[in-house]
N, C-alpha and C. Protein backbone atom coordinates (compact mmCIF):
# COMPACT_ATOMS: atom_id res chain seq x y z
N MET A 1 -175.02 330.35 83.54
CA MET A 1 -174.25 329.79 82.29
C MET A 1 -173.86 331.01 81.53
N SER A 2 -172.60 331.02 81.08
CA SER A 2 -172.05 331.93 80.33
C SER A 2 -172.13 331.75 78.82
N GLY A 3 -171.86 332.85 77.98
CA GLY A 3 -172.22 332.71 76.59
C GLY A 3 -171.03 332.09 75.84
N PRO A 4 -171.03 331.94 74.53
CA PRO A 4 -170.09 331.22 73.82
C PRO A 4 -168.72 332.07 73.85
N LYS A 5 -167.51 331.36 73.84
CA LYS A 5 -166.20 332.06 73.90
C LYS A 5 -165.64 331.81 72.50
N SER A 6 -164.64 332.73 72.06
CA SER A 6 -164.06 332.62 70.86
C SER A 6 -162.98 331.44 71.03
N ASP A 7 -162.56 331.00 69.84
CA ASP A 7 -161.48 330.00 69.82
C ASP A 7 -160.24 330.62 70.46
N SER A 8 -159.75 331.66 70.30
CA SER A 8 -158.56 332.27 70.86
C SER A 8 -158.80 332.54 72.43
N GLY A 9 -159.96 332.44 72.88
CA GLY A 9 -160.17 332.67 74.41
C GLY A 9 -159.99 334.20 74.81
N LYS A 10 -159.84 335.10 73.81
CA LYS A 10 -159.70 336.46 74.23
C LYS A 10 -160.94 337.03 74.21
N SER A 11 -161.38 337.90 74.97
CA SER A 11 -162.51 338.68 74.98
C SER A 11 -162.46 339.90 74.12
N HIS A 12 -163.56 340.52 73.75
CA HIS A 12 -163.52 341.72 72.93
C HIS A 12 -162.84 342.91 73.67
N ASP A 13 -162.93 342.94 74.97
CA ASP A 13 -162.28 343.90 75.79
C ASP A 13 -160.76 343.93 75.68
N THR A 14 -160.23 342.80 75.60
CA THR A 14 -158.80 342.58 75.52
C THR A 14 -158.24 343.21 74.30
N GLY A 15 -159.09 343.00 73.07
CA GLY A 15 -158.62 343.50 71.81
C GLY A 15 -158.70 345.14 71.92
N LYS A 16 -159.71 345.58 72.48
CA LYS A 16 -159.99 347.00 72.68
C LYS A 16 -158.90 347.71 73.45
N GLU A 17 -158.36 347.03 74.50
CA GLU A 17 -157.33 347.60 75.41
C GLU A 17 -156.02 347.65 74.59
N ARG A 18 -155.77 346.52 73.80
CA ARG A 18 -154.61 346.52 72.87
C ARG A 18 -154.69 347.59 71.88
N GLY A 19 -155.81 347.87 71.32
CA GLY A 19 -155.85 349.07 70.55
C GLY A 19 -155.56 350.26 71.08
N ASP A 20 -156.00 350.54 72.41
CA ASP A 20 -155.84 351.69 73.04
C ASP A 20 -154.24 351.86 73.36
N ASP A 21 -153.62 350.87 73.60
CA ASP A 21 -152.09 350.84 73.80
C ASP A 21 -151.47 351.34 72.51
N ARG A 22 -151.90 350.79 71.34
CA ARG A 22 -151.29 351.10 70.25
C ARG A 22 -151.43 352.77 69.88
N ARG A 23 -152.58 353.32 70.23
CA ARG A 23 -152.84 354.65 69.88
C ARG A 23 -151.94 355.50 70.95
N VAL A 24 -151.79 355.09 72.05
CA VAL A 24 -150.87 355.83 73.06
C VAL A 24 -149.34 355.78 72.55
N ALA A 25 -148.92 354.62 72.06
CA ALA A 25 -147.66 354.50 71.57
C ALA A 25 -147.46 355.41 70.37
N GLN A 26 -148.43 355.44 69.52
CA GLN A 26 -148.51 356.21 68.26
C GLN A 26 -148.22 357.65 68.76
N GLN A 27 -149.15 358.15 69.70
CA GLN A 27 -149.04 359.51 70.13
C GLN A 27 -147.64 359.82 70.60
N ASP A 28 -146.98 358.97 71.47
CA ASP A 28 -145.84 359.19 72.02
C ASP A 28 -144.72 359.32 70.71
N VAL A 29 -144.68 358.68 69.83
CA VAL A 29 -143.88 358.64 68.69
C VAL A 29 -144.02 359.97 68.01
N THR A 30 -145.27 360.49 67.85
CA THR A 30 -145.71 361.65 67.10
C THR A 30 -145.01 362.92 68.02
N ARG A 31 -145.31 362.82 69.28
CA ARG A 31 -144.53 363.83 70.17
C ARG A 31 -143.14 363.80 70.04
N ASP A 32 -142.35 362.75 70.07
CA ASP A 32 -140.92 362.70 70.01
C ASP A 32 -140.49 363.33 68.64
N ARG A 33 -141.20 362.90 67.49
CA ARG A 33 -140.90 363.36 66.20
C ARG A 33 -140.99 364.91 66.17
N ARG A 34 -141.93 365.49 66.76
CA ARG A 34 -142.11 366.94 66.78
C ARG A 34 -141.00 367.67 67.69
N LYS A 35 -140.58 367.03 68.62
CA LYS A 35 -139.60 367.72 69.39
C LYS A 35 -138.11 367.80 68.62
N GLU A 36 -137.91 366.62 67.81
CA GLU A 36 -136.67 366.69 67.23
C GLU A 36 -136.64 367.84 66.07
N SER A 37 -137.62 367.98 65.34
CA SER A 37 -137.54 369.22 64.40
C SER A 37 -139.02 369.66 64.20
N ASP A 38 -139.38 370.70 64.80
CA ASP A 38 -140.82 371.15 64.69
C ASP A 38 -140.88 372.24 63.63
N ARG A 39 -141.37 372.01 62.45
CA ARG A 39 -141.45 372.91 61.35
C ARG A 39 -142.19 374.17 61.77
N ARG A 40 -143.10 374.14 62.86
CA ARG A 40 -143.90 375.31 63.26
C ARG A 40 -142.93 376.27 63.65
N ASP A 41 -141.90 376.06 64.20
CA ASP A 41 -140.85 377.12 64.66
C ASP A 41 -140.20 377.86 63.53
N LEU A 42 -140.20 377.32 62.32
CA LEU A 42 -139.65 377.92 61.17
C LEU A 42 -140.69 378.71 60.38
N ARG A 43 -140.89 379.99 60.81
CA ARG A 43 -142.08 380.72 60.42
C ARG A 43 -141.77 381.45 59.11
N TYR A 44 -140.45 381.66 58.75
CA TYR A 44 -140.18 382.56 57.62
C TYR A 44 -139.59 381.88 56.62
N GLY A 45 -140.20 381.99 55.32
CA GLY A 45 -139.51 381.19 54.29
C GLY A 45 -139.35 381.90 53.00
N VAL A 46 -138.47 381.43 52.10
CA VAL A 46 -138.03 382.00 50.87
C VAL A 46 -137.78 380.85 49.90
N LYS A 47 -138.20 381.02 48.75
CA LYS A 47 -137.99 380.24 47.61
C LYS A 47 -136.78 380.76 46.96
N PHE A 48 -135.91 379.87 46.54
CA PHE A 48 -134.61 380.36 45.94
C PHE A 48 -134.09 379.46 44.77
N VAL A 49 -133.58 380.05 43.74
CA VAL A 49 -133.16 379.30 42.47
C VAL A 49 -131.77 379.53 42.56
N THR A 50 -130.98 378.66 42.40
CA THR A 50 -129.59 378.71 42.34
C THR A 50 -128.81 377.80 41.47
N SER A 51 -127.74 378.13 40.80
CA SER A 51 -126.99 377.24 39.85
C SER A 51 -125.74 377.00 40.79
N GLY A 52 -125.67 377.43 41.96
CA GLY A 52 -124.43 377.19 42.82
C GLY A 52 -124.57 375.89 43.63
N SER A 53 -123.59 375.66 44.42
CA SER A 53 -123.60 374.41 45.22
C SER A 53 -124.44 374.47 46.43
N LEU A 54 -125.24 373.51 46.61
CA LEU A 54 -126.16 373.52 47.76
C LEU A 54 -125.25 373.34 49.08
N VAL A 55 -124.12 372.65 49.06
CA VAL A 55 -123.22 372.54 50.16
C VAL A 55 -122.78 373.89 50.64
N GLU A 56 -122.34 374.73 49.61
CA GLU A 56 -121.90 376.09 49.99
C GLU A 56 -123.07 376.86 50.39
N LEU A 57 -124.19 376.75 49.88
CA LEU A 57 -125.46 377.48 50.50
C LEU A 57 -125.69 377.13 51.92
N GLU A 58 -125.57 375.77 52.16
CA GLU A 58 -125.77 375.32 53.59
C GLU A 58 -124.78 375.88 54.51
N ASP A 59 -123.50 375.82 53.96
CA ASP A 59 -122.31 376.31 54.75
C ASP A 59 -122.56 377.87 55.18
N TRP A 60 -123.24 378.54 54.15
CA TRP A 60 -123.35 380.07 54.34
C TRP A 60 -124.46 380.10 55.67
N LEU A 61 -125.44 379.28 55.35
CA LEU A 61 -126.61 379.36 56.39
C LEU A 61 -126.04 379.04 57.89
N ASP A 62 -125.28 377.93 57.88
CA ASP A 62 -124.73 377.58 59.17
C ASP A 62 -124.00 378.76 59.84
N GLU A 63 -123.06 379.43 58.99
CA GLU A 63 -122.16 380.49 59.47
C GLU A 63 -122.87 381.72 59.69
N ASN A 64 -123.91 382.10 59.05
CA ASN A 64 -124.56 383.37 59.29
C ASN A 64 -125.87 383.37 59.93
N CYS A 65 -126.40 382.22 60.14
CA CYS A 65 -127.95 382.43 60.67
C CYS A 65 -127.72 382.10 62.36
N SER A 66 -128.33 382.97 63.08
CA SER A 66 -128.35 382.89 64.55
C SER A 66 -129.18 381.84 65.11
N GLU A 67 -130.35 381.65 64.38
CA GLU A 67 -131.33 380.52 64.82
C GLU A 67 -131.39 379.42 63.82
N SER A 68 -132.24 378.60 63.96
CA SER A 68 -132.42 377.36 63.11
C SER A 68 -132.97 377.69 61.75
N TRP A 69 -132.63 376.86 60.95
CA TRP A 69 -133.23 377.02 59.49
C TRP A 69 -133.26 375.64 58.94
N ARG A 70 -133.88 375.63 57.62
CA ARG A 70 -134.10 374.29 56.95
C ARG A 70 -134.05 374.44 55.53
N LEU A 71 -133.29 373.85 54.81
CA LEU A 71 -133.30 373.87 53.49
C LEU A 71 -134.05 372.63 52.75
N VAL A 72 -134.92 372.91 51.93
CA VAL A 72 -135.85 371.68 51.15
C VAL A 72 -135.60 371.95 49.68
N PHE A 73 -134.92 370.78 49.31
CA PHE A 73 -134.85 370.69 47.76
C PHE A 73 -136.19 370.54 47.07
N LEU A 74 -136.58 371.39 46.10
CA LEU A 74 -137.80 371.30 45.49
C LEU A 74 -137.80 370.64 43.87
N ASP A 75 -136.79 371.21 43.15
CA ASP A 75 -136.76 370.85 41.85
C ASP A 75 -135.31 371.03 41.26
N MET A 76 -135.16 370.46 40.07
CA MET A 76 -133.89 370.75 39.39
C MET A 76 -134.32 370.65 37.78
N ASP A 77 -133.67 371.58 37.17
CA ASP A 77 -133.92 371.63 35.64
C ASP A 77 -133.25 370.35 34.92
N GLU A 78 -133.67 370.13 33.74
CA GLU A 78 -133.09 368.89 33.08
C GLU A 78 -131.60 368.75 32.84
N SER A 79 -131.01 370.10 32.64
CA SER A 79 -129.39 370.00 32.54
C SER A 79 -128.80 369.74 33.94
N LEU A 80 -129.55 369.79 34.89
CA LEU A 80 -129.04 369.61 36.22
C LEU A 80 -128.19 370.78 36.87
N ASP A 81 -128.42 371.83 36.28
CA ASP A 81 -127.76 372.97 36.69
C ASP A 81 -128.46 373.79 37.78
N SER A 82 -129.79 374.17 37.31
CA SER A 82 -130.50 375.14 38.34
C SER A 82 -131.26 374.37 39.24
N LYS A 83 -131.20 374.84 40.45
CA LYS A 83 -131.85 373.86 41.61
C LYS A 83 -132.87 374.86 42.42
N ASP A 84 -134.22 374.48 42.46
CA ASP A 84 -135.08 375.17 43.18
C ASP A 84 -135.12 374.59 44.67
N VAL A 85 -135.04 375.84 45.67
CA VAL A 85 -135.15 375.19 46.99
C VAL A 85 -136.02 376.08 47.77
N GLN A 86 -136.34 375.64 48.85
CA GLN A 86 -137.17 376.56 49.83
C GLN A 86 -136.35 376.45 51.04
N ILE A 87 -136.11 377.63 51.64
CA ILE A 87 -135.37 377.85 52.91
C ILE A 87 -136.26 378.49 53.90
N MET A 88 -136.42 377.67 55.07
CA MET A 88 -137.18 378.20 56.13
C MET A 88 -136.41 378.64 57.17
N PHE A 89 -136.75 379.68 57.97
CA PHE A 89 -135.87 380.26 58.88
C PHE A 89 -136.76 380.42 60.29
N ALA A 90 -136.09 380.23 61.37
CA ALA A 90 -136.83 380.68 62.70
C ALA A 90 -136.98 382.01 62.88
N SER A 91 -135.98 382.97 62.38
CA SER A 91 -136.08 384.19 62.67
C SER A 91 -136.19 385.23 61.44
N LYS A 92 -136.97 386.19 61.49
CA LYS A 92 -137.06 387.00 60.35
C LYS A 92 -135.67 387.77 60.08
N SER A 93 -135.05 388.07 61.01
CA SER A 93 -133.64 388.67 60.82
C SER A 93 -132.64 387.93 60.07
N ASP A 94 -132.66 386.40 60.16
CA ASP A 94 -131.95 385.57 59.34
C ASP A 94 -132.41 385.56 57.98
N LYS A 95 -133.81 385.51 57.81
CA LYS A 95 -134.26 385.48 56.43
C LYS A 95 -133.92 386.84 55.67
N ASP A 96 -134.13 388.05 56.39
CA ASP A 96 -133.78 389.24 55.78
C ASP A 96 -132.17 389.29 55.35
N LYS A 97 -131.46 388.70 56.11
CA LYS A 97 -129.91 388.68 55.94
C LYS A 97 -129.65 387.98 54.83
N PHE A 98 -130.42 386.66 54.54
CA PHE A 98 -130.22 385.87 53.46
C PHE A 98 -130.41 386.51 52.20
N VAL A 99 -131.94 387.16 52.38
CA VAL A 99 -132.32 387.87 50.91
C VAL A 99 -131.33 389.10 50.66
N ALA A 100 -130.92 389.73 51.51
CA ALA A 100 -130.03 390.89 51.20
C ALA A 100 -128.65 390.44 50.58
N THR A 101 -128.26 389.30 51.03
CA THR A 101 -126.95 388.77 50.48
C THR A 101 -127.36 388.05 49.25
N HIS A 102 -128.42 387.34 48.96
CA HIS A 102 -128.43 386.47 47.80
C HIS A 102 -129.38 386.93 46.90
N SER A 103 -130.12 388.14 46.94
CA SER A 103 -130.88 388.40 45.88
C SER A 103 -130.11 389.55 44.95
N ARG A 104 -130.78 389.58 43.60
CA ARG A 104 -129.94 390.24 42.62
C ARG A 104 -130.42 391.73 42.56
């Protein structure tokens, strides 16, 4: 004679398997996300304050960086003039070129 069954007719093992599938799917999504843009490849960073256009800054980065980079907007003053950004670079030479060109 077997023990009592739940109303749904599903055993505890079925729910456990479903949970395992969910974890596998979540791991696959995480791996895919990392492939698209892995921040660990951007090892060199600089914080930068500018009153200039961020579009122009991004254009400069596109034209002058030999490897990947990422610009992150951090803050803006109340007058909306001064913007704080962080720029991360995959290569030290790209970072050094940026600093040499944009430092005072």
